[in-house]
Amino acid sequence: MEARIDKWLWAVRLYKTRSMATDACKKGQITMNGATMKPSKTIKEGDVVSVRKPPITYTFRVLKAIENRVGAKLVPEMLENITPKEQYDILEMSKISGFANRMRGTGRPTKKERRDLDEFLGDDNFGMADFPFFDDEDDDEV
């Protein structure tokens, strides 16, 4: 039995929609034996498919070539994950260092940056009491 690669990727829940699987094929993220796969290429049982989802490349062996989406519990019957351990090590390293790559001063402050900011600003955080021109008493004299 054979199936289109884009339908198989969607059916075994590697991609949420078939159009996402098709786009991945068009972008060259899906390979088989080192050759990029077009969405219309067919696969059969025993083929080894590589799916590049940065930062790692997953490798799967096709156990059943299906075109209809199956439940998550049935996915292990359709494919075998043969991704090397080194790829998962790369994924773990990127998770650990993911937030450290943020340039200082961009995005939301970290907890440490927030504490430092609060300490710098003091307890009242420059409240309105520091500015005499915001007194309510002055409004009565107008």
C-alpha atoms as a PDB file:
ATOM      1  CA  MET A   1       0.000   0.000   0.000  1.00  0.00           C
ATOM      2  CA  GLU A   2       1.195   3.501  -0.838  1.00  0.00           C
ATOM      3  CA  ALA A   3       0.193   6.984   0.338  1.00  0.00           C
ATOM      4  CA  ARG A   4       1.034  10.576  -0.518  1.00  0.00           C
ATOM      5  CA  ILE A   5       3.689  11.959   1.815  1.00  0.00           C
ATOM      6  CA  ASP A   6       1.689  15.068   2.741  1.00  0.00           C
ATOM      7  CA  LYS A   7      -1.383  13.013   3.610  1.00  0.00           C
ATOM      8  CA  TRP A   8       0.703  10.547   5.642  1.00  0.00           C
ATOM      9  CA  LEU A   9       2.412  13.327   7.624  1.00  0.00           C
ATOM     10  CA  TRP A  10      -1.016  14.748   8.474  1.00  0.00           C
ATOM     11  CA  ALA A  11      -2.566  11.327   9.157  1.00  0.00           C
ATOM     12  CA  VAL A  12       0.097  10.334  11.705  1.00  0.00           C
ATOM     13  CA  ARG A  13      -0.221  13.725  13.428  1.00  0.00           C
ATOM     14  CA  LEU A  14       3.223  15.105  12.631  1.00  0.00           C
ATOM     15  CA  TYR A  15       1.499  18.227  11.301  1.00  0.00           C
ATOM     16  CA  LYS A  16      -1.727  19.787  12.495  1.00  0.00           C
ATOM     17  CA  THR A  17      -3.163  20.375   9.017  1.00  0.00           C
ATOM     18  CA  ARG A  18      -2.516  18.874   5.611  1.00  0.00           C
ATOM     19  CA  SER A  19      -1.661  22.291   4.219  1.00  0.00           C
ATOM     20  CA  MET A  20       1.084  22.639   6.856  1.00  0.00           C
ATOM     21  CA  ALA A  21       2.466  19.248   5.771  1.00  0.00           C
ATOM     22  CA  THR A  22       2.325  20.331   2.124  1.00  0.00           C
ATOM     23  CA  ASP A  23       4.151  23.584   2.928  1.00  0.00           C
ATOM     24  CA  ALA A  24       6.843  21.652   4.815  1.00  0.00           C
ATOM     25  CA  CYS A  25       7.381  19.468   1.741  1.00  0.00           C
ATOM     26  CA  LYS A  26       7.591  22.511  -0.524  1.00  0.00           C
ATOM     27  CA  LYS A  27      10.127  24.164   1.791  1.00  0.00           C
ATOM     28  CA  GLY A  28      12.374  21.085   1.682  1.00  0.00           C
ATOM     29  CA  GLN A  29      11.835  20.104   5.315  1.00  0.00           C
ATOM     30  CA  ILE A  30      10.796  16.537   4.420  1.00  0.00           C
ATOM     31  CA  THR A  31      13.449  14.183   3.033  1.00  0.00           C
ATOM     32  CA  MET A  32      13.744  10.506   2.231  1.00  0.00           C
ATOM     33  CA  ASN A  33      17.198   9.001   1.649  1.00  0.00           C
ATOM     34  CA  GLY A  34      18.656  12.507   1.442  1.00  0.00           C
ATOM     35  CA  ALA A  35      16.298  13.662  -1.323  1.00  0.00           C
ATOM     36  CA  THR A  36      13.640  16.294  -0.664  1.00  0.00           C
ATOM     37  CA  MET A  37      10.083  15.114  -1.112  1.00  0.00           C
ATOM     38  CA  LYS A  38       7.373  16.864  -3.071  1.00  0.00           C
ATOM     39  CA  PRO A  39       3.892  16.700  -1.485  1.00  0.00           C
ATOM     40  CA  SER A  40       2.611  14.344  -4.194  1.00  0.00           C
ATOM     41  CA  LYS A  41       5.393  11.741  -3.801  1.00  0.00           C
ATOM     42  CA  THR A  42       4.240   8.398  -2.510  1.00  0.00           C
ATOM     43  CA  ILE A  43       5.716   6.437   0.360  1.00  0.00           C
ATOM     44  CA  LYS A  44       5.370   2.787   1.243  1.00  0.00           C
ATOM     45  CA  GLU A  45       5.933   0.604   4.272  1.00  0.00           C
ATOM     46  CA  GLY A  46       9.568   0.448   5.333  1.00  0.00           C
ATOM     47  CA  ASP A  47      10.550   3.891   3.997  1.00  0.00           C
ATOM     48  CA  VAL A  48      12.571   6.160   6.302  1.00  0.00           C
ATOM     49  CA  VAL A  49      11.328   9.754   6.362  1.00  0.00           C
ATOM     50  CA  SER A  50      13.199  12.679   7.936  1.00  0.00           C
ATOM     51  CA  VAL A  51      11.230  15.685   9.168  1.00  0.00           C
ATOM     52  CA  ARG A  52      13.193  18.856   9.925  1.00  0.00           C
ATOM     53  CA  LYS A  53      11.513  20.886  12.654  1.00  0.00           C
ATOM     54  CA  PRO A  54      14.204  23.283  13.861  1.00  0.00           C
ATOM     55  CA  PRO A  55      16.342  22.883  15.845  1.00  0.00           C
ATOM     56  CA  ILE A  56      16.327  19.108  15.195  1.00  0.00           C
ATOM     57  CA  THR A  57      15.540  16.564  12.497  1.00  0.00           C
ATOM     58  CA  TYR A  58      13.193  13.736  13.439  1.00  0.00           C
ATOM     59  CA  THR A  59      13.525  10.388  11.651  1.00  0.00           C
ATOM     60  CA  PHE A  60      10.633   7.952  11.274  1.00  0.00           C
ATOM     61  CA  ARG A  61      10.189   4.521   9.695  1.00  0.00           C
ATOM     62  CA  VAL A  62       6.838   4.046   7.952  1.00  0.00           C
ATOM     63  CA  LEU A  63       5.041   1.005   9.362  1.00  0.00           C
ATOM     64  CA  LYS A  64       1.741   1.607   7.548  1.00  0.00           C
ATOM     65  CA  ALA A  65       1.124   3.960   4.660  1.00  0.00           C
ATOM     66  CA  ILE A  66      -2.220   5.569   5.493  1.00  0.00           C
ATOM     67  CA  GLU A  67      -4.037   8.636   4.182  1.00  0.00           C
ATOM     68  CA  ASN A  68      -6.815   8.929   6.771  1.00  0.00           C
ATOM     69  CA  ARG A  69      -6.064  10.606  10.082  1.00  0.00           C
ATOM     70  CA  VAL A  70      -5.920   8.262  13.084  1.00  0.00           C
ATOM     71  CA  GLY A  71      -6.267   8.816  16.801  1.00  0.00           C
ATOM     72  CA  ALA A  72      -3.191   9.608  18.851  1.00  0.00           C
ATOM     73  CA  LYS A  73      -3.257   6.171  20.491  1.00  0.00           C
ATOM     74  CA  LEU A  74      -2.927   4.472  17.088  1.00  0.00           C
ATOM     75  CA  VAL A  75       0.045   6.530  15.866  1.00  0.00           C
ATOM     76  CA  PRO A  76       2.706   4.092  17.221  1.00  0.00           C
ATOM     77  CA  GLU A  77       1.221   1.410  14.927  1.00  0.00           C
ATOM     78  CA  MET A  78       1.735   3.664  11.892  1.00  0.00           C
ATOM     79  CA  LEU A  79       5.324   4.851  12.433  1.00  0.00           C
ATOM     80  CA  GLU A  80       8.457   4.046  14.376  1.00  0.00           C
ATOM     81  CA  ASN A  81      10.525   6.884  15.783  1.00  0.00           C
ATOM     82  CA  ILE A  82      14.182   6.186  14.963  1.00  0.00           C
ATOM     83  CA  THR A  83      15.495   9.675  15.719  1.00  0.00           C
ATOM     84  CA  PRO A  84      19.097   9.489  17.005  1.00  0.00           C
ATOM     85  CA  LYS A  85      19.705  10.401  20.649  1.00  0.00           C
ATOM     86  CA  GLU A  86      22.061  13.201  19.566  1.00  0.00           C
ATOM     87  CA  GLN A  87      19.119  15.063  18.038  1.00  0.00           C
ATOM     88  CA  TYR A  88      17.237  14.986  21.337  1.00  0.00           C
ATOM     89  CA  ASP A  89      20.373  16.254  23.087  1.00  0.00           C
ATOM     90  CA  ILE A  90      20.381  19.225  20.701  1.00  0.00           C
ATOM     91  CA  LEU A  91      16.715  19.851  21.527  1.00  0.00           C
ATOM     92  CA  GLU A  92      17.428  19.746  25.267  1.00  0.00           C
ATOM     93  CA  MET A  93      20.338  22.168  24.916  1.00  0.00           C
ATOM     94  CA  SER A  94      18.194  24.611  22.945  1.00  0.00           C
ATOM     95  CA  LYS A  95      15.484  24.457  25.629  1.00  0.00           C
ATOM     96  CA  ILE A  96      18.022  25.188  28.360  1.00  0.00           C
ATOM     97  CA  SER A  97      19.658  28.055  26.514  1.00  0.00           C
ATOM     98  CA  GLY A  98      16.504  29.334  24.822  1.00  0.00           C
ATOM     99  CA  PHE A  99      15.844  32.312  27.076  1.00  0.00           C
ATOM    100  CA  ALA A 100      19.525  33.142  27.599  1.00  0.00           C
ATOM    101  CA  ASN A 101      19.847  34.182  23.944  1.00  0.00           C
ATOM    102  CA  ARG A 102      17.481  37.125  24.477  1.00  0.00           C
ATOM    103  CA  MET A 103      19.277  40.423  24.032  1.00  0.00           C
ATOM    104  CA  ARG A 104      19.405  42.437  27.243  1.00  0.00           C
ATOM    105  CA  GLY A 105      16.732  45.128  27.293  1.00  0.00           C
ATOM    106  CA  THR A 106      14.438  43.481  24.754  1.00  0.00           C
ATOM    107  CA  GLY A 107      11.120  41.910  25.636  1.00  0.00           C
ATOM    108  CA  ARG A 108       9.664  41.617  29.095  1.00  0.00           C
ATOM    109  CA  PRO A 109      12.036  41.802  32.048  1.00  0.00           C
ATOM    110  CA  THR A 110      13.045  38.612  33.807  1.00  0.00           C
ATOM    111  CA  LYS A 111      12.274  38.170  37.503  1.00  0.00           C
ATOM    112  CA  LYS A 112      15.799  39.261  38.397  1.00  0.00           C
ATOM    113  CA  GLU A 113      15.563  42.331  36.161  1.00  0.00           C
ATOM    114  CA  ARG A 114      12.168  43.177  37.707  1.00  0.00           C
ATOM    115  CA  ARG A 115      13.586  42.903  41.252  1.00  0.00           C
ATOM    116  CA  ASP A 116      16.545  45.104  40.305  1.00  0.00           C
ATOM    117  CA  LEU A 117      14.184  47.649  38.756  1.00  0.00           C
ATOM    118  CA  ASP A 118      11.924  47.690  41.831  1.00  0.00           C
ATOM    119  CA  GLU A 119      14.957  48.110  44.086  1.00  0.00           C
ATOM    120  CA  PHE A 120      16.224  51.007  41.969  1.00  0.00           C
ATOM    121  CA  LEU A 121      12.864  52.783  41.905  1.00  0.00           C
ATOM    122  CA  GLY A 122      12.305  52.353  45.641  1.00  0.00           C
ATOM    123  CA  ASP A 123       9.156  51.514  47.585  1.00  0.00           C
ATOM    124  CA  ASP A 124       6.875  54.267  46.303  1.00  0.00           C
ATOM    125  CA  ASN A 125       7.926  53.864  42.650  1.00  0.00           C
ATOM    126  CA  PHE A 126       7.838  57.628  42.078  1.00  0.00           C
ATOM    127  CA  GLY A 127       4.248  57.958  43.213  1.00  0.00           C
ATOM    128  CA  MET A 128       2.192  61.084  42.601  1.00  0.00           C
ATOM    129  CA  ALA A 129       3.064  62.356  46.099  1.00  0.00           C
ATOM    130  CA  ASP A 130       6.533  63.226  44.810  1.00  0.00           C
ATOM    131  CA  PHE A 131       5.115  65.820  42.416  1.00  0.00           C
ATOM    132  CA  PRO A 132       3.566  68.874  44.141  1.00  0.00           C
ATOM    133  CA  PHE A 133       1.748  70.060  41.013  1.00  0.00           C
ATOM    134  CA  PHE A 134      -0.610  67.086  41.314  1.00  0.00           C
ATOM    135  CA  ASP A 135      -2.032  68.194  44.677  1.00  0.00           C
ATOM    136  CA  ASP A 136      -5.808  68.198  44.934  1.00  0.00           C
ATOM    137  CA  GLU A 137      -5.718  71.398  46.978  1.00  0.00           C
ATOM    138  CA  ASP A 138      -4.626  73.473  43.988  1.00  0.00           C
ATOM    139  CA  ASP A 139      -7.790  72.560  42.053  1.00  0.00           C
ATOM    140  CA  ASP A 140      -9.971  74.521  44.560  1.00  0.00           C
ATOM    141  CA  GLU A 141      -8.146  77.815  43.895  1.00  0.00           C
ATOM    142  CA  VAL A 142      -9.024  78.026  40.176  1.00  0.00           C
END
